[in-house]
Amino acid sequence: MIPDGYSYSQIKENLRIICENVSESYDKYRNDDTKIDIMAVTKTVPAEVVNWVFDFGLDLLGENRVQEYQSKKDDYRKLSGFGTPPRIHFIGHLQTNKVKYIINDMDMIQSVDSLRLGQEIDRLARANDKVMDILCEVNIGGEDSKNGVSPGSLPELLEQLSELENIRIRGLMTIPPPSDSDIYLGRMGELFAGYKELYSMDTLSMGMTHDYAAAVRCGSTLIRIGTGLFGARDYSR
């Protein structure tokens, strides 16, 4: 049974439009050979609906809540024809006491904004004999309502995290203010360019439903799409 409010064909069409817009922005404004990853953000979306995106060629999921992820992860199916699980990134605010629940499931944790959190990820990664890929979350707009390290504090945090042996800094992540989004996306692109070679970064995660085309123009390598892919959802659940 198809869950109420979701349409297989509509989600497929939504993805087609997203891919078309990404390609248009990339071809018009970029001259590099970077692959743009499109992430399906799964917050409040039933697992059976999330599984549809694998049919459409997506293999990257973004999880916001530890408890919700745990309730759905066993219902995610493996990718058709390959027998492998999807790539899964944690993109929400992460408390240190919750790291233990996701350390072995995530391919990347995008929301690292403190040395304390980085140290806990490093400790548990070491205990589980792995190296965890991370992004540093930057509060590019200085908003009190959002998590992330300030641009001014980023150099110190990157230096501290780079000394931890069981994490690997892959890049930066941000959620810019919705007003003047273009300005902040541009600033974030410049910030990423300034640290890219120093820390061998390859990932700039920015751009959501309302601003992903602009984010691609400003250098994003990974866009995170929820509403634009699955439709409007009830986030109060």
C-alpha atoms as a PDB file:
ATOM      1  CA  MET A   1       0.000   0.000   0.000  1.00  0.00           C
ATOM      2  CA  ILE A   2       1.308   3.448  -0.922  1.00  0.00           C
ATOM      3  CA  PRO A   3       1.513   5.709   2.153  1.00  0.00           C
ATOM      4  CA  ASP A   4      -0.884   8.651   2.130  1.00  0.00           C
ATOM      5  CA  GLY A   5       0.461  11.798   0.505  1.00  0.00           C
ATOM      6  CA  TYR A   6       3.194  10.169  -1.572  1.00  0.00           C
ATOM      7  CA  SER A   7       3.314   9.352  -5.273  1.00  0.00           C
ATOM      8  CA  TYR A   8       5.988   7.179  -6.884  1.00  0.00           C
ATOM      9  CA  SER A   9       5.605   8.935 -10.243  1.00  0.00           C
ATOM     10  CA  GLN A  10       5.621  12.412  -8.684  1.00  0.00           C
ATOM     11  CA  ILE A  11       8.807  11.755  -6.724  1.00  0.00           C
ATOM     12  CA  LYS A  12      10.423  10.431  -9.892  1.00  0.00           C
ATOM     13  CA  GLU A  13       9.386  13.596 -11.734  1.00  0.00           C
ATOM     14  CA  ASN A  14      10.621  15.777  -8.875  1.00  0.00           C
ATOM     15  CA  LEU A  15      14.027  14.157  -9.115  1.00  0.00           C
ATOM     16  CA  ARG A  16      14.124  14.644 -12.874  1.00  0.00           C
ATOM     17  CA  ILE A  17      13.508  18.363 -12.414  1.00  0.00           C
ATOM     18  CA  ILE A  18      16.132  18.603  -9.667  1.00  0.00           C
ATOM     19  CA  CYS A  19      18.723  16.876 -11.852  1.00  0.00           C
ATOM     20  CA  GLU A  20      17.857  19.150 -14.760  1.00  0.00           C
ATOM     21  CA  ASN A  21      18.244  22.280 -12.632  1.00  0.00           C
ATOM     22  CA  VAL A  22      21.526  21.063 -11.171  1.00  0.00           C
ATOM     23  CA  SER A  23      22.923  20.349 -14.625  1.00  0.00           C
ATOM     24  CA  GLU A  24      21.802  23.727 -15.939  1.00  0.00           C
ATOM     25  CA  SER A  25      23.408  25.609 -13.053  1.00  0.00           C
ATOM     26  CA  TYR A  26      26.586  23.550 -13.244  1.00  0.00           C
ATOM     27  CA  ASP A  27      26.985  23.955 -17.011  1.00  0.00           C
ATOM     28  CA  LYS A  28      26.370  27.693 -16.818  1.00  0.00           C
ATOM     29  CA  TYR A  29      28.571  28.614 -13.862  1.00  0.00           C
ATOM     30  CA  ARG A  30      31.149  25.891 -13.256  1.00  0.00           C
ATOM     31  CA  ASN A  31      34.199  24.856 -15.247  1.00  0.00           C
ATOM     32  CA  ASP A  32      35.484  22.045 -13.059  1.00  0.00           C
ATOM     33  CA  ASP A  33      34.839  18.322 -13.266  1.00  0.00           C
ATOM     34  CA  THR A  34      33.296  17.896  -9.810  1.00  0.00           C
ATOM     35  CA  LYS A  35      30.451  15.430  -9.437  1.00  0.00           C
ATOM     36  CA  ILE A  36      27.414  16.917  -7.675  1.00  0.00           C
ATOM     37  CA  ASP A  37      25.888  14.494  -5.201  1.00  0.00           C
ATOM     38  CA  ILE A  38      22.142  14.699  -4.639  1.00  0.00           C
ATOM     39  CA  MET A  39      21.069  13.579  -1.182  1.00  0.00           C
ATOM     40  CA  ALA A  40      17.555  12.415  -0.332  1.00  0.00           C
ATOM     41  CA  VAL A  41      16.771  13.857   3.104  1.00  0.00           C
ATOM     42  CA  THR A  42      14.552  11.312   4.808  1.00  0.00           C
ATOM     43  CA  LYS A  43      13.191  13.206   7.821  1.00  0.00           C
ATOM     44  CA  THR A  44       9.633  11.932   8.545  1.00  0.00           C
ATOM     45  CA  VAL A  45       9.518   9.990   5.255  1.00  0.00           C
ATOM     46  CA  PRO A  46       8.407   6.327   5.628  1.00  0.00           C
ATOM     47  CA  ALA A  47      11.079   3.779   4.777  1.00  0.00           C
ATOM     48  CA  GLU A  48       8.999   2.271   1.975  1.00  0.00           C
ATOM     49  CA  VAL A  49       8.905   5.678   0.259  1.00  0.00           C
ATOM     50  CA  VAL A  50      12.609   6.278   0.824  1.00  0.00           C
ATOM     51  CA  ASN A  51      13.260   2.962  -0.914  1.00  0.00           C
ATOM     52  CA  TRP A  52      11.681   4.301  -4.112  1.00  0.00           C
ATOM     53  CA  VAL A  53      14.579   6.689  -4.733  1.00  0.00           C
ATOM     54  CA  PHE A  54      16.917   3.746  -5.225  1.00  0.00           C
ATOM     55  CA  ASP A  55      14.888   2.855  -8.324  1.00  0.00           C
ATOM     56  CA  PHE A  56      15.599   6.354  -9.659  1.00  0.00           C
ATOM     57  CA  GLY A  57      19.365   6.148  -9.292  1.00  0.00           C
ATOM     58  CA  LEU A  58      19.890   7.904  -5.954  1.00  0.00           C
ATOM     59  CA  ASP A  59      22.050   6.078  -3.430  1.00  0.00           C
ATOM     60  CA  LEU A  60      22.682   8.777  -0.795  1.00  0.00           C
ATOM     61  CA  LEU A  61      20.411   9.352   2.216  1.00  0.00           C
ATOM     62  CA  GLY A  62      20.558  12.104   4.839  1.00  0.00           C
ATOM     63  CA  GLU A  63      19.375  11.349   8.370  1.00  0.00           C
ATOM     64  CA  ASN A  64      18.467  14.098  10.858  1.00  0.00           C
ATOM     65  CA  ARG A  65      17.396  12.195  13.957  1.00  0.00           C
ATOM     66  CA  VAL A  66      19.102   9.262  15.632  1.00  0.00           C
ATOM     67  CA  GLN A  67      15.904   7.734  17.030  1.00  0.00           C
ATOM     68  CA  GLU A  68      14.014   8.040  13.753  1.00  0.00           C
ATOM     69  CA  TYR A  69      16.899   6.496  11.837  1.00  0.00           C
ATOM     70  CA  GLN A  70      17.047   3.547  14.210  1.00  0.00           C
ATOM     71  CA  SER A  71      13.324   2.946  13.737  1.00  0.00           C
ATOM     72  CA  LYS A  72      13.625   2.841   9.935  1.00  0.00           C
ATOM     73  CA  LYS A  73      17.074   1.505   9.080  1.00  0.00           C
ATOM     74  CA  ASP A  74      16.119  -2.180   9.027  1.00  0.00           C
ATOM     75  CA  ASP A  75      13.417  -1.404   6.457  1.00  0.00           C
ATOM     76  CA  TYR A  76      15.765   0.287   3.987  1.00  0.00           C
ATOM     77  CA  ARG A  77      16.389  -2.143   1.181  1.00  0.00           C
ATOM     78  CA  LYS A  78      19.646  -2.672  -0.598  1.00  0.00           C
ATOM     79  CA  LEU A  79      20.330  -1.029  -3.923  1.00  0.00           C
ATOM     80  CA  SER A  80      18.738  -2.828  -6.847  1.00  0.00           C
ATOM     81  CA  GLY A  81      21.112  -5.027  -8.795  1.00  0.00           C
ATOM     82  CA  PHE A  82      24.081  -4.456  -6.510  1.00  0.00           C
ATOM     83  CA  GLY A  83      23.119  -5.997  -3.176  1.00  0.00           C
ATOM     84  CA  THR A  84      24.824  -3.136  -1.353  1.00  0.00           C
ATOM     85  CA  PRO A  85      23.319  -0.736   1.175  1.00  0.00           C
ATOM     86  CA  PRO A  86      22.852   2.948   0.346  1.00  0.00           C
ATOM     87  CA  ARG A  87      25.311   5.562   1.529  1.00  0.00           C
ATOM     88  CA  ILE A  88      23.989   7.245   4.667  1.00  0.00           C
ATOM     89  CA  HIS A  89      25.128  10.553   6.163  1.00  0.00           C
ATOM     90  CA  PHE A  90      24.049  12.037   9.461  1.00  0.00           C
ATOM     91  CA  ILE A  91      23.165  15.699   8.880  1.00  0.00           C
ATOM     92  CA  GLY A  92      21.277  16.750  12.025  1.00  0.00           C
ATOM     93  CA  HIS A  93      22.472  18.101  15.350  1.00  0.00           C
ATOM     94  CA  LEU A  94      24.279  15.268  17.096  1.00  0.00           C
ATOM     95  CA  GLN A  95      24.715  14.969  20.853  1.00  0.00           C
ATOM     96  CA  THR A  96      27.857  13.231  22.042  1.00  0.00           C
ATOM     97  CA  ASN A  97      25.849  10.597  23.930  1.00  0.00           C
ATOM     98  CA  LYS A  98      24.113   9.576  20.694  1.00  0.00           C
ATOM     99  CA  VAL A  99      27.240   8.971  18.605  1.00  0.00           C
ATOM    100  CA  LYS A 100      27.482   5.368  19.790  1.00  0.00           C
ATOM    101  CA  TYR A 101      24.150   4.550  18.145  1.00  0.00           C
ATOM    102  CA  ILE A 102      25.226   5.549  14.637  1.00  0.00           C
ATOM    103  CA  ILE A 103      29.004   5.142  14.531  1.00  0.00           C
ATOM    104  CA  ASN A 104      28.883   1.870  12.604  1.00  0.00           C
ATOM    105  CA  ASP A 105      26.063   2.810  10.222  1.00  0.00           C
ATOM    106  CA  MET A 106      27.110   6.190   8.856  1.00  0.00           C
ATOM    107  CA  ASP A 107      29.386   6.780   5.911  1.00  0.00           C
ATOM    108  CA  MET A 108      29.805  10.386   7.025  1.00  0.00           C
ATOM    109  CA  ILE A 109      28.785  12.706   9.867  1.00  0.00           C
ATOM    110  CA  GLN A 110      28.221  16.174   8.432  1.00  0.00           C
ATOM    111  CA  SER A 111      27.323  18.130  11.559  1.00  0.00           C
ATOM    112  CA  VAL A 112      30.557  18.283  13.567  1.00  0.00           C
ATOM    113  CA  ASP A 113      30.774  21.712  15.174  1.00  0.00           C
ATOM    114  CA  SER A 114      32.902  21.218  18.290  1.00  0.00           C
ATOM    115  CA  LEU A 115      36.110  19.540  19.385  1.00  0.00           C
ATOM    116  CA  ARG A 116      34.168  17.630  22.066  1.00  0.00           C
ATOM    117  CA  LEU A 117      31.936  16.014  19.460  1.00  0.00           C
ATOM    118  CA  GLY A 118      34.901  15.310  17.215  1.00  0.00           C
ATOM    119  CA  GLN A 119      36.753  13.637  20.085  1.00  0.00           C
ATOM    120  CA  GLU A 120      33.806  11.373  20.862  1.00  0.00           C
ATOM    121  CA  ILE A 121      33.469  10.365  17.209  1.00  0.00           C
ATOM    122  CA  ASP A 122      37.210   9.695  17.123  1.00  0.00           C
ATOM    123  CA  ARG A 123      37.070   7.606  20.317  1.00  0.00           C
ATOM    124  CA  LEU A 124      34.219   5.429  19.129  1.00  0.00           C
ATOM    125  CA  ALA A 125      35.620   5.121  15.610  1.00  0.00           C
ATOM    126  CA  ARG A 126      38.890   3.878  17.090  1.00  0.00           C
ATOM    127  CA  ALA A 127      37.025   1.409  19.306  1.00  0.00           C
ATOM    128  CA  ASN A 128      35.220   0.096  16.218  1.00  0.00           C
ATOM    129  CA  ASP A 129      38.362  -0.060  14.075  1.00  0.00           C
ATOM    130  CA  LYS A 130      37.287   2.512  11.516  1.00  0.00           C
ATOM    131  CA  VAL A 131      38.012   6.019  10.334  1.00  0.00           C
ATOM    132  CA  MET A 132      34.919   8.229  10.193  1.00  0.00           C
ATOM    133  CA  ASP A 133      34.547  10.826   7.461  1.00  0.00           C
ATOM    134  CA  ILE A 134      33.241  14.132   8.797  1.00  0.00           C
ATOM    135  CA  LEU A 135      32.293  17.625   7.698  1.00  0.00           C
ATOM    136  CA  CYS A 136      32.581  20.689   9.895  1.00  0.00           C
ATOM    137  CA  GLU A 137      29.267  22.496  10.156  1.00  0.00           C
ATOM    138  CA  VAL A 138      29.656  26.255   9.776  1.00  0.00           C
ATOM    139  CA  ASN A 139      27.065  28.762  10.975  1.00  0.00           C
ATOM    140  CA  ILE A 140      27.832  31.070   8.078  1.00  0.00           C
ATOM    141  CA  GLY A 141      25.070  33.536   8.941  1.00  0.00           C
ATOM    142  CA  GLY A 142      25.777  33.713  12.690  1.00  0.00           C
ATOM    143  CA  GLU A 143      22.191  32.763  13.525  1.00  0.00           C
ATOM    144  CA  ASP A 144      21.356  31.971  17.149  1.00  0.00           C
ATOM    145  CA  SER A 145      18.786  29.408  16.029  1.00  0.00           C
ATOM    146  CA  LYS A 146      21.316  27.268  14.163  1.00  0.00           C
ATOM    147  CA  ASN A 147      24.212  25.060  15.162  1.00  0.00           C
ATOM    148  CA  GLY A 148      27.659  25.267  13.682  1.00  0.00           C
ATOM    149  CA  VAL A 149      31.025  26.819  14.358  1.00  0.00           C
ATOM    150  CA  SER A 150      31.500  30.487  13.474  1.00  0.00           C
ATOM    151  CA  PRO A 151      33.687  31.260  10.450  1.00  0.00           C
ATOM    152  CA  GLY A 152      36.129  32.991  12.791  1.00  0.00           C
ATOM    153  CA  SER A 153      36.480  29.893  15.001  1.00  0.00           C
ATOM    154  CA  LEU A 154      36.725  27.460  12.090  1.00  0.00           C
ATOM    155  CA  PRO A 155      40.534  27.577  11.657  1.00  0.00           C
ATOM    156  CA  GLU A 156      41.137  26.516  15.266  1.00  0.00           C
ATOM    157  CA  LEU A 157      38.556  23.723  15.100  1.00  0.00           C
ATOM    158  CA  LEU A 158      39.936  22.362  11.841  1.00  0.00           C
ATOM    159  CA  GLU A 159      43.447  22.320  13.284  1.00  0.00           C
ATOM    160  CA  GLN A 160      42.276  20.501  16.417  1.00  0.00           C
ATOM    161  CA  LEU A 161      40.196  17.950  14.524  1.00  0.00           C
ATOM    162  CA  SER A 162      43.001  17.261  12.059  1.00  0.00           C
ATOM    163  CA  GLU A 163      45.074  15.886  14.935  1.00  0.00           C
ATOM    164  CA  LEU A 164      42.547  13.131  15.681  1.00  0.00           C
ATOM    165  CA  GLU A 165      43.594   9.867  14.059  1.00  0.00           C
ATOM    166  CA  ASN A 166      40.242   8.164  13.544  1.00  0.00           C
ATOM    167  CA  ILE A 167      38.359  10.938  11.813  1.00  0.00           C
ATOM    168  CA  ARG A 168      38.986  12.342   8.352  1.00  0.00           C
ATOM    169  CA  ILE A 169      37.923  15.898   7.530  1.00  0.00           C
ATOM    170  CA  ARG A 170      36.294  15.742   4.115  1.00  0.00           C
ATOM    171  CA  GLY A 171      34.979  19.299   3.989  1.00  0.00           C
ATOM    172  CA  LEU A 172      32.380  21.751   5.235  1.00  0.00           C
ATOM    173  CA  MET A 173      28.600  21.904   5.606  1.00  0.00           C
ATOM    174  CA  THR A 174      26.251  24.837   6.128  1.00  0.00           C
ATOM    175  CA  ILE A 175      22.627  25.962   6.232  1.00  0.00           C
ATOM    176  CA  PRO A 176      22.650  29.650   5.229  1.00  0.00           C
ATOM    177  CA  PRO A 177      19.991  32.144   6.297  1.00  0.00           C
ATOM    178  CA  PRO A 178      17.030  31.989   3.902  1.00  0.00           C
ATOM    179  CA  SER A 179      17.199  35.743   3.446  1.00  0.00           C
ATOM    180  CA  ASP A 180      20.204  36.810   1.377  1.00  0.00           C
ATOM    181  CA  SER A 181      20.943  33.139   0.778  1.00  0.00           C
ATOM    182  CA  ASP A 182      22.988  33.906  -2.341  1.00  0.00           C
ATOM    183  CA  ILE A 183      25.337  36.170  -0.379  1.00  0.00           C
ATOM    184  CA  TYR A 184      26.007  33.564   2.288  1.00  0.00           C
ATOM    185  CA  LEU A 185      26.363  30.746  -0.228  1.00  0.00           C
ATOM    186  CA  GLY A 186      29.018  32.803  -1.971  1.00  0.00           C
ATOM    187  CA  ARG A 187      30.836  33.423   1.307  1.00  0.00           C
ATOM    188  CA  MET A 188      30.721  29.732   2.103  1.00  0.00           C
ATOM    189  CA  GLY A 189      32.145  28.858  -1.298  1.00  0.00           C
ATOM    190  CA  GLU A 190      35.032  31.233  -0.674  1.00  0.00           C
ATOM    191  CA  LEU A 191      35.592  29.787   2.806  1.00  0.00           C
ATOM    192  CA  PHE A 192      35.725  26.257   1.412  1.00  0.00           C
ATOM    193  CA  ALA A 193      38.166  27.296  -1.313  1.00  0.00           C
ATOM    194  CA  GLY A 194      40.462  28.732   1.331  1.00  0.00           C
ATOM    195  CA  TYR A 195      40.783  25.444   3.234  1.00  0.00           C
ATOM    196  CA  LYS A 196      40.304  22.900   0.451  1.00  0.00           C
ATOM    197  CA  GLU A 197      43.937  22.232  -0.365  1.00  0.00           C
ATOM    198  CA  LEU A 198      45.238  22.661   3.182  1.00  0.00           C
ATOM    199  CA  TYR A 199      43.067  19.817   4.488  1.00  0.00           C
ATOM    200  CA  SER A 200      42.582  17.866   1.222  1.00  0.00           C
ATOM    201  CA  MET A 201      38.838  18.605   1.292  1.00  0.00           C
ATOM    202  CA  ASP A 202      36.543  17.399  -1.470  1.00  0.00           C
ATOM    203  CA  THR A 203      33.046  18.043  -0.097  1.00  0.00           C
ATOM    204  CA  LEU A 204      31.067  21.251   0.318  1.00  0.00           C
ATOM    205  CA  SER A 205      27.583  20.328   1.507  1.00  0.00           C
ATOM    206  CA  MET A 206      25.199  23.224   0.967  1.00  0.00           C
ATOM    207  CA  GLY A 207      21.964  23.811  -0.847  1.00  0.00           C
ATOM    208  CA  MET A 208      18.469  22.611  -0.029  1.00  0.00           C
ATOM    209  CA  THR A 209      15.098  22.702  -1.754  1.00  0.00           C
ATOM    210  CA  HIS A 210      14.870  26.502  -1.955  1.00  0.00           C
ATOM    211  CA  ASP A 211      18.453  27.308  -2.943  1.00  0.00           C
ATOM    212  CA  TYR A 212      20.179  24.259  -4.423  1.00  0.00           C
ATOM    213  CA  ALA A 213      20.694  25.738  -7.897  1.00  0.00           C
ATOM    214  CA  ALA A 214      22.358  28.798  -6.375  1.00  0.00           C
ATOM    215  CA  ALA A 215      24.444  26.538  -4.141  1.00  0.00           C
ATOM    216  CA  VAL A 216      25.728  24.629  -7.156  1.00  0.00           C
ATOM    217  CA  ARG A 217      26.646  27.942  -8.761  1.00  0.00           C
ATOM    218  CA  CYS A 218      28.640  28.855  -5.638  1.00  0.00           C
ATOM    219  CA  GLY A 219      30.646  25.638  -5.511  1.00  0.00           C
ATOM    220  CA  SER A 220      28.541  23.070  -3.667  1.00  0.00           C
ATOM    221  CA  THR A 221      29.441  19.440  -4.294  1.00  0.00           C
ATOM    222  CA  LEU A 222      26.519  17.952  -2.341  1.00  0.00           C
ATOM    223  CA  ILE A 223      22.935  19.213  -2.130  1.00  0.00           C
ATOM    224  CA  ARG A 224      20.440  18.009   0.477  1.00  0.00           C
ATOM    225  CA  ILE A 225      16.866  17.764  -0.809  1.00  0.00           C
ATOM    226  CA  GLY A 226      13.845  16.789   1.268  1.00  0.00           C
ATOM    227  CA  THR A 227      10.684  18.744   0.462  1.00  0.00           C
ATOM    228  CA  GLY A 228      11.655  19.273  -3.181  1.00  0.00           C
ATOM    229  CA  LEU A 229      11.916  15.516  -3.634  1.00  0.00           C
ATOM    230  CA  PHE A 230       9.292  14.001  -1.333  1.00  0.00           C
ATOM    231  CA  GLY A 231       6.883  16.943  -1.043  1.00  0.00           C
ATOM    232  CA  ALA A 232       5.793  18.933   2.005  1.00  0.00           C
ATOM    233  CA  ARG A 233       5.859  16.964   5.248  1.00  0.00           C
ATOM    234  CA  ASP A 234       4.673  17.278   8.824  1.00  0.00           C
ATOM    235  CA  TYR A 235       7.831  18.035  10.815  1.00  0.00           C
ATOM    236  CA  SER A 236       5.963  18.089  14.114  1.00  0.00           C
ATOM    237  CA  ARG A 237       5.899  14.302  14.211  1.00  0.00           C
END
